[in-house]
Amino acid sequence: MPISVNLDVMLAKRKMQLKELSEIVGVSVVNLSILKQSKVKAIRFSTLEAICEALDCQPGDLLEFIATKEN
């Protein structure tokens, strides 16, 4: 997938565990773990907003576009 999720990086920078973020944001640890592994197909803006607020970051700090080469 050309969109990479850097949730693990932001959690490490903020010295926060996934469980703590889950409690703050109100999203299950399982769903955040799937997001962290970049295995999600979509994310609600309200969820992205809550994560950004909890981690004091911008959406661009969490999401990164990685261009793929086409033959």
N, C-alpha and C. Protein backbone atom coordinates (compact mmCIF):
# COMPACT_ATOMS: atom_id res chain seq x y z
N MET A 1 0.85 -1.17 0.00
CA MET A 1 0.00 0.00 0.00
C MET A 1 0.90 1.23 0.00
N PRO A 2 0.61 2.21 -0.84
CA PRO A 2 1.47 3.39 -0.92
C PRO A 2 1.34 4.37 0.24
N ILE A 3 0.40 4.14 1.15
CA ILE A 3 0.27 4.98 2.34
C ILE A 3 0.82 4.20 3.53
N SER A 4 1.80 4.77 4.19
CA SER A 4 2.42 4.15 5.36
C SER A 4 1.94 4.89 6.60
N VAL A 5 1.65 4.15 7.66
CA VAL A 5 1.20 4.73 8.92
C VAL A 5 2.37 4.69 9.90
N ASN A 6 2.73 5.85 10.43
CA ASN A 6 3.86 5.96 11.35
C ASN A 6 3.40 6.12 12.80
N LEU A 7 2.36 5.40 13.16
CA LEU A 7 1.82 5.50 14.51
C LEU A 7 2.84 5.03 15.54
N ASP A 8 3.58 3.98 15.23
CA ASP A 8 4.58 3.48 16.17
C ASP A 8 5.67 4.51 16.46
N VAL A 9 6.03 5.27 15.44
CA VAL A 9 7.05 6.32 15.61
C VAL A 9 6.54 7.41 16.55
N MET A 10 5.30 7.84 16.33
CA MET A 10 4.74 8.90 17.16
C MET A 10 4.52 8.42 18.60
N LEU A 11 4.12 7.17 18.76
CA LEU A 11 3.96 6.63 20.11
C LEU A 11 5.30 6.62 20.84
N ALA A 12 6.35 6.22 20.14
CA ALA A 12 7.68 6.19 20.76
C ALA A 12 8.15 7.60 21.12
N LYS A 13 7.91 8.56 20.22
CA LYS A 13 8.31 9.95 20.50
C LYS A 13 7.59 10.51 21.71
N ARG A 14 6.34 10.10 21.90
CA ARG A 14 5.54 10.61 23.02
C ARG A 14 5.62 9.71 24.25
N LYS A 15 6.41 8.63 24.12
CA LYS A 15 6.58 7.66 25.22
C LYS A 15 5.23 7.19 25.73
N MET A 16 4.38 6.77 24.79
CA MET A 16 3.03 6.33 25.10
C MET A 16 2.84 4.91 24.58
N GLN A 17 2.12 4.13 25.34
CA GLN A 17 1.79 2.77 24.94
C GLN A 17 0.49 2.77 24.13
N LEU A 18 0.31 1.76 23.29
CA LEU A 18 -0.89 1.63 22.48
C LEU A 18 -2.14 1.56 23.36
N LYS A 19 -2.03 0.87 24.49
CA LYS A 19 -3.18 0.74 25.39
C LYS A 19 -3.60 2.10 25.94
N GLU A 20 -2.62 2.93 26.28
CA GLU A 20 -2.92 4.27 26.80
C GLU A 20 -3.60 5.11 25.74
N LEU A 21 -3.10 5.06 24.50
CA LEU A 21 -3.72 5.79 23.40
C LEU A 21 -5.14 5.30 23.18
N SER A 22 -5.34 4.00 23.26
CA SER A 22 -6.66 3.40 23.09
C SER A 22 -7.66 3.97 24.09
N GLU A 23 -7.23 4.09 25.34
CA GLU A 23 -8.11 4.61 26.38
C GLU A 23 -8.43 6.09 26.15
N ILE A 24 -7.46 6.86 25.71
CA ILE A 24 -7.66 8.29 25.47
C ILE A 24 -8.59 8.53 24.28
N VAL A 25 -8.34 7.77 23.20
CA VAL A 25 -9.05 8.00 21.93
C VAL A 25 -10.40 7.29 21.89
N GLY A 26 -10.53 6.20 22.63
CA GLY A 26 -11.79 5.45 22.60
C GLY A 26 -11.87 4.50 21.43
N VAL A 27 -10.72 4.02 20.97
CA VAL A 27 -10.65 3.03 19.89
C VAL A 27 -9.95 1.80 20.47
N SER A 28 -10.42 0.62 20.10
CA SER A 28 -9.86 -0.59 20.69
C SER A 28 -8.38 -0.75 20.34
N VAL A 29 -7.68 -1.45 21.22
CA VAL A 29 -6.26 -1.73 21.00
C VAL A 29 -6.09 -2.53 19.70
N VAL A 30 -7.02 -3.44 19.44
CA VAL A 30 -6.95 -4.25 18.23
C VAL A 30 -7.01 -3.37 16.98
N ASN A 31 -7.96 -2.43 16.96
CA ASN A 31 -8.09 -1.54 15.79
C ASN A 31 -6.88 -0.63 15.65
N LEU A 32 -6.34 -0.13 16.76
CA LEU A 32 -5.15 0.71 16.68
C LEU A 32 -3.94 -0.11 16.22
N SER A 33 -3.88 -1.36 16.64
CA SER A 33 -2.79 -2.24 16.23
C SER A 33 -2.84 -2.48 14.72
N ILE A 34 -4.04 -2.67 14.19
CA ILE A 34 -4.21 -2.85 12.74
C ILE A 34 -3.78 -1.58 12.01
N LEU A 35 -4.14 -0.44 12.56
CA LEU A 35 -3.72 0.84 11.98
C LEU A 35 -2.21 0.97 12.03
N LYS A 36 -1.62 0.64 13.16
CA LYS A 36 -0.17 0.74 13.36
C LYS A 36 0.59 -0.11 12.34
N GLN A 37 0.00 -1.23 11.96
CA GLN A 37 0.64 -2.15 11.01
C GLN A 37 0.34 -1.77 9.55
N SER A 38 -0.33 -0.65 9.35
CA SER A 38 -0.69 -0.18 8.00
C SER A 38 -1.56 -1.18 7.24
N LYS A 39 -2.41 -1.90 7.97
CA LYS A 39 -3.28 -2.89 7.34
C LYS A 39 -4.71 -2.41 7.20
N VAL A 40 -4.95 -1.14 7.48
CA VAL A 40 -6.31 -0.61 7.36
C VAL A 40 -6.58 -0.14 5.94
N LYS A 41 -7.82 -0.15 5.56
CA LYS A 41 -8.23 0.34 4.24
C LYS A 41 -8.73 1.77 4.32
N ALA A 42 -9.17 2.18 5.52
CA ALA A 42 -9.72 3.53 5.69
C ALA A 42 -9.62 3.92 7.15
N ILE A 43 -9.68 5.23 7.40
CA ILE A 43 -9.71 5.75 8.75
C ILE A 43 -10.65 6.95 8.76
N ARG A 44 -11.47 7.04 9.77
CA ARG A 44 -12.39 8.17 9.88
C ARG A 44 -11.62 9.41 10.29
N PHE A 45 -12.04 10.54 9.77
CA PHE A 45 -11.39 11.79 10.15
C PHE A 45 -11.52 12.05 11.65
N SER A 46 -12.64 11.65 12.24
CA SER A 46 -12.82 11.85 13.67
C SER A 46 -11.81 11.04 14.47
N THR A 47 -11.50 9.84 14.01
CA THR A 47 -10.49 9.00 14.66
C THR A 47 -9.11 9.59 14.47
N LEU A 48 -8.81 10.02 13.26
CA LEU A 48 -7.52 10.65 12.97
C LEU A 48 -7.34 11.91 13.82
N GLU A 49 -8.41 12.69 13.94
CA GLU A 49 -8.37 13.90 14.75
C GLU A 49 -8.09 13.57 16.21
N ALA A 50 -8.76 12.55 16.74
CA ALA A 50 -8.58 12.17 18.14
C ALA A 50 -7.15 11.67 18.40
N ILE A 51 -6.62 10.91 17.46
CA ILE A 51 -5.24 10.41 17.60
C ILE A 51 -4.26 11.58 17.56
N CYS A 52 -4.46 12.49 16.63
CA CYS A 52 -3.58 13.66 16.52
C CYS A 52 -3.64 14.51 17.78
N GLU A 53 -4.83 14.67 18.34
CA GLU A 53 -4.98 15.47 19.56
C GLU A 53 -4.27 14.78 20.72
N ALA A 54 -4.44 13.46 20.84
CA ALA A 54 -3.83 12.72 21.93
C ALA A 54 -2.30 12.72 21.84
N LEU A 55 -1.78 12.66 20.61
CA LEU A 55 -0.33 12.60 20.41
C LEU A 55 0.28 13.97 20.14
N ASP A 56 -0.55 15.00 20.11
CA ASP A 56 -0.09 16.37 19.83
C ASP A 56 0.74 16.40 18.54
N CYS A 57 0.11 15.95 17.45
CA CYS A 57 0.80 15.90 16.17
C CYS A 57 -0.15 16.27 15.04
N GLN A 58 0.37 16.31 13.84
CA GLN A 58 -0.42 16.60 12.64
C GLN A 58 -0.68 15.29 11.88
N PRO A 59 -1.72 15.23 11.06
CA PRO A 59 -1.98 14.02 10.27
C PRO A 59 -0.77 13.60 9.43
N GLY A 60 -0.02 14.57 8.93
CA GLY A 60 1.17 14.26 8.14
C GLY A 60 2.28 13.60 8.95
N ASP A 61 2.21 13.73 10.27
CA ASP A 61 3.18 13.03 11.11
C ASP A 61 2.85 11.54 11.21
N LEU A 62 1.59 11.20 10.98
CA LEU A 62 1.13 9.82 11.08
C LEU A 62 1.07 9.11 9.74
N LEU A 63 0.73 9.85 8.69
CA LEU A 63 0.52 9.24 7.38
C LEU A 63 1.58 9.71 6.40
N GLU A 64 2.11 8.78 5.62
CA GLU A 64 3.16 9.10 4.66
C GLU A 64 2.86 8.40 3.33
N PHE A 65 2.91 9.14 2.25
CA PHE A 65 2.72 8.57 0.92
C PHE A 65 4.06 8.08 0.40
N ILE A 66 4.11 6.83 -0.02
CA ILE A 66 5.32 6.26 -0.57
C ILE A 66 5.04 5.91 -2.03
N ALA A 67 5.68 6.64 -2.91
CA ALA A 67 5.46 6.44 -4.35
C ALA A 67 6.00 5.06 -4.76
N THR A 68 5.26 4.41 -5.64
CA THR A 68 5.71 3.12 -6.16
C THR A 68 6.09 3.28 -7.62
N LYS A 69 7.09 2.55 -8.03
CA LYS A 69 7.52 2.60 -9.43
C LYS A 69 6.61 1.70 -10.25
N GLU A 70 6.19 2.22 -11.36
CA GLU A 70 5.37 1.40 -12.29
C GLU A 70 6.23 1.07 -13.49
N ASN A 71 6.10 -0.15 -13.95
CA ASN A 71 6.89 -0.60 -15.11
C ASN A 71 6.30 -0.15 -16.39
